[in-house]
């Protein structure tokens, strides 16, 4: 049995509301609203998902955002560590790699926004 969805919030720019985003048509995406009031974007090519599959896609998007936030935080901590004189070896060990791999990944990288 399908769950009933709440009506779209026009302030989110969801289809059908006064705030509909014209770019959604160009990029071939649909905006979805979760039961807890959150929103996410899904390509029309997979918009037929429902139930557990749809929830999984929403969860994956959340994890991808979280991963990016963590990667930014790690990059910032590496930069701070280097300013404090922490060796590449110690940084590499802390993130589960070699000092050389850490140096290659983070040396010269711009500071996260």
N, C-alpha and C. Protein backbone atom coordinates (compact mmCIF):
# COMPACT_ATOMS: atom_id res chain seq x y z
N UNK A 1 0.85 -1.18 0.00
CA UNK A 1 0.00 0.00 0.00
C UNK A 1 0.89 1.24 0.00
N UNK A 2 0.69 2.12 -0.94
CA UNK A 2 1.50 3.33 -1.06
C UNK A 2 1.14 4.31 0.04
N UNK A 3 2.18 4.99 0.53
CA UNK A 3 1.94 6.01 1.54
C UNK A 3 1.45 7.28 0.85
N UNK A 4 0.57 7.97 1.50
CA UNK A 4 0.07 9.23 0.97
C UNK A 4 1.12 10.30 1.22
N UNK A 5 1.44 11.07 0.19
CA UNK A 5 2.45 12.12 0.29
C UNK A 5 1.80 13.43 0.70
N UNK A 6 2.56 14.22 1.49
CA UNK A 6 2.04 15.55 1.81
C UNK A 6 2.07 16.42 0.55
N UNK A 7 1.22 17.43 0.48
CA UNK A 7 1.25 18.30 -0.70
C UNK A 7 2.59 19.03 -0.78
N UNK A 8 3.06 19.33 -2.00
CA UNK A 8 4.33 20.03 -2.14
C UNK A 8 4.29 21.40 -1.49
N UNK A 9 5.41 21.80 -0.92
CA UNK A 9 5.56 23.13 -0.32
C UNK A 9 6.00 24.08 -1.43
N UNK A 10 5.18 25.05 -1.82
CA UNK A 10 5.54 25.94 -2.92
C UNK A 10 6.85 26.69 -2.68
N UNK A 11 7.21 26.92 -1.43
CA UNK A 11 8.45 27.65 -1.15
C UNK A 11 9.69 26.84 -1.52
N UNK A 12 9.54 25.52 -1.70
CA UNK A 12 10.68 24.68 -2.06
C UNK A 12 10.89 24.63 -3.57
N UNK A 13 10.02 25.27 -4.33
CA UNK A 13 10.15 25.24 -5.77
C UNK A 13 9.78 23.89 -6.37
N UNK A 14 8.83 23.22 -5.75
CA UNK A 14 8.44 21.90 -6.23
C UNK A 14 7.43 22.01 -7.36
N UNK A 15 7.39 21.02 -8.25
CA UNK A 15 6.45 21.07 -9.37
C UNK A 15 5.03 21.29 -8.90
N UNK A 16 4.34 22.12 -9.63
CA UNK A 16 2.93 22.37 -9.34
C UNK A 16 2.69 23.57 -8.46
N UNK A 17 3.69 24.11 -7.84
CA UNK A 17 3.51 25.27 -6.98
C UNK A 17 3.99 26.54 -7.66
N UNK A 18 3.67 27.69 -7.07
CA UNK A 18 4.09 28.94 -7.68
C UNK A 18 5.61 29.10 -7.74
N UNK A 19 6.33 28.35 -6.91
CA UNK A 19 7.79 28.44 -6.91
C UNK A 19 8.45 27.40 -7.78
N UNK A 20 7.71 26.82 -8.74
CA UNK A 20 8.26 25.77 -9.59
C UNK A 20 9.53 26.26 -10.27
N UNK A 21 10.55 25.45 -10.20
CA UNK A 21 11.85 25.78 -10.77
C UNK A 21 11.88 25.41 -12.25
N UNK A 22 12.03 26.39 -13.15
CA UNK A 22 12.06 26.06 -14.57
C UNK A 22 13.26 25.21 -14.95
N UNK A 23 14.35 25.27 -14.17
CA UNK A 23 15.53 24.46 -14.45
C UNK A 23 15.23 22.97 -14.29
N UNK A 24 14.23 22.63 -13.48
CA UNK A 24 13.89 21.22 -13.29
C UNK A 24 13.48 20.61 -14.63
N UNK A 25 12.81 21.37 -15.47
CA UNK A 25 12.42 20.87 -16.78
C UNK A 25 13.66 20.67 -17.66
N UNK A 26 14.58 21.61 -17.60
CA UNK A 26 15.78 21.56 -18.43
C UNK A 26 16.67 20.38 -18.03
N UNK A 27 16.84 20.17 -16.76
CA UNK A 27 17.75 19.14 -16.28
C UNK A 27 17.10 17.77 -16.10
N UNK A 28 15.81 17.66 -16.33
CA UNK A 28 15.14 16.37 -16.27
C UNK A 28 15.09 15.77 -14.88
N UNK A 29 14.76 16.59 -13.89
CA UNK A 29 14.69 16.10 -12.51
C UNK A 29 13.31 16.38 -11.93
N UNK A 30 13.00 15.66 -10.90
CA UNK A 30 11.79 15.91 -10.13
C UNK A 30 12.19 16.19 -8.70
N UNK A 31 11.44 17.04 -8.05
CA UNK A 31 11.67 17.33 -6.64
C UNK A 31 10.69 16.50 -5.84
N UNK A 32 11.20 15.86 -4.80
CA UNK A 32 10.37 15.01 -3.95
C UNK A 32 10.41 15.52 -2.53
N UNK A 33 9.32 15.27 -1.81
CA UNK A 33 9.22 15.65 -0.40
C UNK A 33 9.12 14.38 0.42
N UNK A 34 9.90 14.31 1.50
CA UNK A 34 9.86 13.14 2.38
C UNK A 34 8.78 13.32 3.44
N UNK A 35 8.45 12.24 4.11
CA UNK A 35 7.42 12.28 5.14
C UNK A 35 7.79 13.24 6.27
N UNK A 36 9.09 13.43 6.51
CA UNK A 36 9.51 14.33 7.60
C UNK A 36 9.65 15.77 7.13
N UNK A 37 9.22 16.06 5.90
CA UNK A 37 9.26 17.44 5.41
C UNK A 37 10.52 17.81 4.66
N UNK A 38 11.48 16.89 4.57
CA UNK A 38 12.70 17.16 3.81
C UNK A 38 12.41 17.08 2.32
N UNK A 39 13.35 17.52 1.54
CA UNK A 39 13.17 17.47 0.09
C UNK A 39 14.44 16.96 -0.56
N UNK A 40 14.30 16.34 -1.72
CA UNK A 40 15.46 15.89 -2.47
C UNK A 40 15.11 15.88 -3.94
N UNK A 41 16.14 15.74 -4.76
CA UNK A 41 15.98 15.75 -6.21
C UNK A 41 16.24 14.35 -6.73
N UNK A 42 15.46 13.96 -7.72
CA UNK A 42 15.65 12.64 -8.32
C UNK A 42 15.53 12.79 -9.83
N UNK A 43 16.44 12.19 -10.59
CA UNK A 43 16.32 12.25 -12.06
C UNK A 43 15.04 11.58 -12.52
N UNK A 44 14.45 12.13 -13.55
CA UNK A 44 13.21 11.53 -14.07
C UNK A 44 13.43 10.10 -14.53
N UNK A 45 14.66 9.79 -14.95
CA UNK A 45 14.94 8.44 -15.44
C UNK A 45 14.75 7.38 -14.35
N UNK A 46 14.81 7.78 -13.08
CA UNK A 46 14.57 6.82 -12.00
C UNK A 46 13.42 7.27 -11.10
N UNK A 47 12.60 8.18 -11.60
CA UNK A 47 11.51 8.73 -10.80
C UNK A 47 10.39 7.74 -10.54
N UNK A 48 10.43 6.60 -11.19
CA UNK A 48 9.36 5.61 -10.97
C UNK A 48 9.57 4.80 -9.70
N UNK A 49 10.65 5.03 -9.03
CA UNK A 49 10.90 4.31 -7.78
C UNK A 49 9.86 4.69 -6.75
N UNK A 50 9.57 3.74 -5.87
CA UNK A 50 8.65 4.03 -4.78
C UNK A 50 9.02 3.16 -3.60
N UNK A 51 8.44 3.46 -2.48
CA UNK A 51 8.65 2.67 -1.28
C UNK A 51 10.10 2.59 -0.87
N UNK A 52 10.58 1.39 -0.54
CA UNK A 52 11.96 1.22 -0.05
C UNK A 52 13.02 1.71 -1.04
N UNK A 53 12.80 1.53 -2.33
CA UNK A 53 13.79 1.96 -3.31
C UNK A 53 13.92 3.48 -3.32
N UNK A 54 12.81 4.18 -3.23
CA UNK A 54 12.82 5.64 -3.19
C UNK A 54 13.49 6.12 -1.91
N UNK A 55 13.20 5.48 -0.80
CA UNK A 55 13.82 5.85 0.47
C UNK A 55 15.34 5.62 0.41
N UNK A 56 15.75 4.55 -0.26
CA UNK A 56 17.18 4.27 -0.40
C UNK A 56 17.88 5.37 -1.18
N UNK A 57 17.27 5.83 -2.28
CA UNK A 57 17.86 6.90 -3.08
C UNK A 57 18.00 8.17 -2.23
N UNK A 58 16.97 8.50 -1.47
CA UNK A 58 17.04 9.66 -0.58
C UNK A 58 18.18 9.48 0.43
N UNK A 59 18.29 8.30 1.01
CA UNK A 59 19.34 8.02 1.99
C UNK A 59 20.74 8.14 1.35
N UNK A 60 20.90 7.63 0.13
CA UNK A 60 22.18 7.74 -0.57
C UNK A 60 22.56 9.19 -0.81
N UNK A 61 21.58 10.02 -1.19
CA UNK A 61 21.88 11.44 -1.39
C UNK A 61 22.34 12.08 -0.08
N UNK A 62 21.68 11.73 1.01
CA UNK A 62 22.07 12.27 2.32
C UNK A 62 23.49 11.82 2.68
N UNK A 63 23.80 10.55 2.44
CA UNK A 63 25.15 10.05 2.73
C UNK A 63 26.20 10.73 1.87
N UNK A 64 25.89 10.99 0.62
CA UNK A 64 26.85 11.66 -0.26
C UNK A 64 27.14 13.07 0.23
N UNK A 65 26.12 13.77 0.70
CA UNK A 65 26.32 15.11 1.25
C UNK A 65 27.16 15.02 2.52
N UNK A 66 26.85 14.06 3.38
CA UNK A 66 27.61 13.87 4.61
C UNK A 66 29.06 13.54 4.30
N UNK A 67 29.29 12.68 3.30
CA UNK A 67 30.66 12.32 2.91
C UNK A 67 31.44 13.56 2.48
N UNK A 68 30.80 14.43 1.68
CA UNK A 68 31.48 15.64 1.22
C UNK A 68 31.81 16.55 2.40
N UNK A 69 30.89 16.67 3.34
CA UNK A 69 31.14 17.49 4.53
C UNK A 69 32.32 16.93 5.33
N UNK A 70 32.38 15.60 5.46
CA UNK A 70 33.49 14.97 6.18
C UNK A 70 34.81 15.15 5.44
N UNK A 71 34.79 15.00 4.12
CA UNK A 71 36.02 15.20 3.35
C UNK A 71 36.53 16.63 3.48
N UNK A 72 35.61 17.60 3.48
CA UNK A 72 36.00 19.00 3.68
C UNK A 72 36.61 19.20 5.06
N UNK A 73 36.00 18.57 6.08
CA UNK A 73 36.51 18.70 7.45
C UNK A 73 37.89 18.06 7.58
N UNK A 74 38.11 16.92 6.92
CA UNK A 74 39.41 16.26 6.95
C UNK A 74 40.45 17.15 6.28
N UNK A 75 40.12 17.70 5.12
CA UNK A 75 41.06 18.57 4.42
C UNK A 75 41.44 19.78 5.27
N UNK A 76 40.47 20.34 5.97
CA UNK A 76 40.74 21.48 6.85
C UNK A 76 41.63 21.06 8.01
N UNK A 77 41.37 19.88 8.59
CA UNK A 77 42.20 19.39 9.69
C UNK A 77 43.62 19.10 9.22
N UNK A 78 43.77 18.58 8.02
CA UNK A 78 45.10 18.32 7.47
C UNK A 78 45.85 19.64 7.32
N UNK A 79 45.18 20.64 6.78
CA UNK A 79 45.80 21.96 6.62
C UNK A 79 46.21 22.53 7.98
N UNK A 80 45.33 22.42 8.96
CA UNK A 80 45.67 22.88 10.32
C UNK A 80 46.86 22.11 10.87
N UNK A 81 46.84 20.79 10.66
CA UNK A 81 47.96 19.97 11.14
C UNK A 81 49.28 20.36 10.51
N UNK A 82 49.26 20.60 9.22
CA UNK A 82 50.50 21.01 8.55
C UNK A 82 50.99 22.36 9.08
N UNK A 83 50.07 23.28 9.35
CA UNK A 83 50.46 24.58 9.92
C UNK A 83 51.05 24.42 11.32
N UNK A 84 50.64 23.36 12.01
CA UNK A 84 51.18 23.09 13.35
C UNK A 84 52.45 22.24 13.30
N UNK A 85 52.86 21.86 12.10
CA UNK A 85 54.09 21.09 11.95
C UNK A 85 53.91 19.58 12.02
N UNK A 86 52.69 19.10 11.91
CA UNK A 86 52.45 17.65 11.93
C UNK A 86 52.99 17.07 10.62
N UNK A 87 53.72 15.98 10.71
CA UNK A 87 54.33 15.37 9.53
C UNK A 87 53.29 14.71 8.64
N UNK A 88 53.65 14.55 7.36
CA UNK A 88 52.78 13.83 6.44
C UNK A 88 52.61 12.39 6.89
N UNK A 89 53.64 11.83 7.48
CA UNK A 89 53.56 10.46 7.97
C UNK A 89 52.48 10.32 9.05
N UNK A 90 52.48 11.25 9.99
CA UNK A 90 51.47 11.21 11.07
C UNK A 90 50.07 11.46 10.52
N UNK A 91 49.96 12.38 9.57
CA UNK A 91 48.65 12.65 8.96
C UNK A 91 48.16 11.42 8.21
N UNK A 92 49.06 10.82 7.41
CA UNK A 92 48.68 9.62 6.67
C UNK A 92 48.23 8.52 7.59
N UNK A 93 48.99 8.29 8.64
CA UNK A 93 48.63 7.23 9.59
C UNK A 93 47.26 7.50 10.20
N UNK A 94 46.96 8.78 10.49
CA UNK A 94 45.70 9.15 11.13
C UNK A 94 44.49 8.90 10.24
N UNK A 95 44.69 8.95 8.93
CA UNK A 95 43.56 8.74 8.02
C UNK A 95 43.61 7.39 7.33
N UNK A 96 44.53 6.54 7.77
CA UNK A 96 44.57 5.17 7.26
C UNK A 96 45.29 4.99 5.95
N UNK A 97 46.30 5.81 5.71
CA UNK A 97 47.07 5.68 4.48
C UNK A 97 48.54 6.01 4.79
N UNK A 98 49.35 6.08 3.78
CA UNK A 98 50.76 6.43 3.99
C UNK A 98 50.92 7.95 3.98
N UNK A 99 52.04 8.39 4.51
CA UNK A 99 52.34 9.81 4.48
C UNK A 99 52.45 10.33 3.06
N UNK A 100 53.04 9.54 2.18
CA UNK A 100 53.19 9.94 0.77
C UNK A 100 51.83 10.08 0.10
N UNK A 101 50.93 9.14 0.35
CA UNK A 101 49.59 9.23 -0.23
C UNK A 101 48.85 10.46 0.30
N UNK A 102 49.01 10.74 1.58
CA UNK A 102 48.37 11.92 2.17
C UNK A 102 48.95 13.19 1.55
N UNK A 103 50.26 13.22 1.38
CA UNK A 103 50.90 14.40 0.79
C UNK A 103 50.39 14.61 -0.63
N UNK A 104 50.30 13.53 -1.39
CA UNK A 104 49.82 13.65 -2.76
C UNK A 104 48.37 14.13 -2.81
N UNK A 105 47.57 13.67 -1.86
CA UNK A 105 46.15 14.04 -1.88
C UNK A 105 45.90 15.47 -1.40
N UNK A 106 46.62 15.90 -0.35
CA UNK A 106 46.27 17.18 0.27
C UNK A 106 47.29 18.30 0.11
N UNK A 107 48.50 18.04 -0.34
CA UNK A 107 49.43 19.14 -0.46
C UNK A 107 49.03 20.00 -1.65
N UNK A 108 49.02 21.27 -1.43
CA UNK A 108 48.65 22.19 -2.50
C UNK A 108 47.16 22.29 -2.75
N UNK A 109 46.37 21.53 -2.01
CA UNK A 109 44.93 21.60 -2.19
C UNK A 109 44.42 22.89 -1.58
N UNK A 110 43.48 23.56 -2.24
CA UNK A 110 42.91 24.79 -1.67
C UNK A 110 42.15 24.47 -0.39
N UNK A 111 42.15 25.41 0.51
CA UNK A 111 41.41 25.23 1.76
C UNK A 111 39.92 25.16 1.46
N UNK A 112 39.20 24.26 2.15
CA UNK A 112 37.74 24.16 1.93
C UNK A 112 37.06 25.47 2.29
N UNK A 113 35.92 25.71 1.62
CA UNK A 113 35.16 26.95 1.89
C UNK A 113 34.58 26.94 3.27
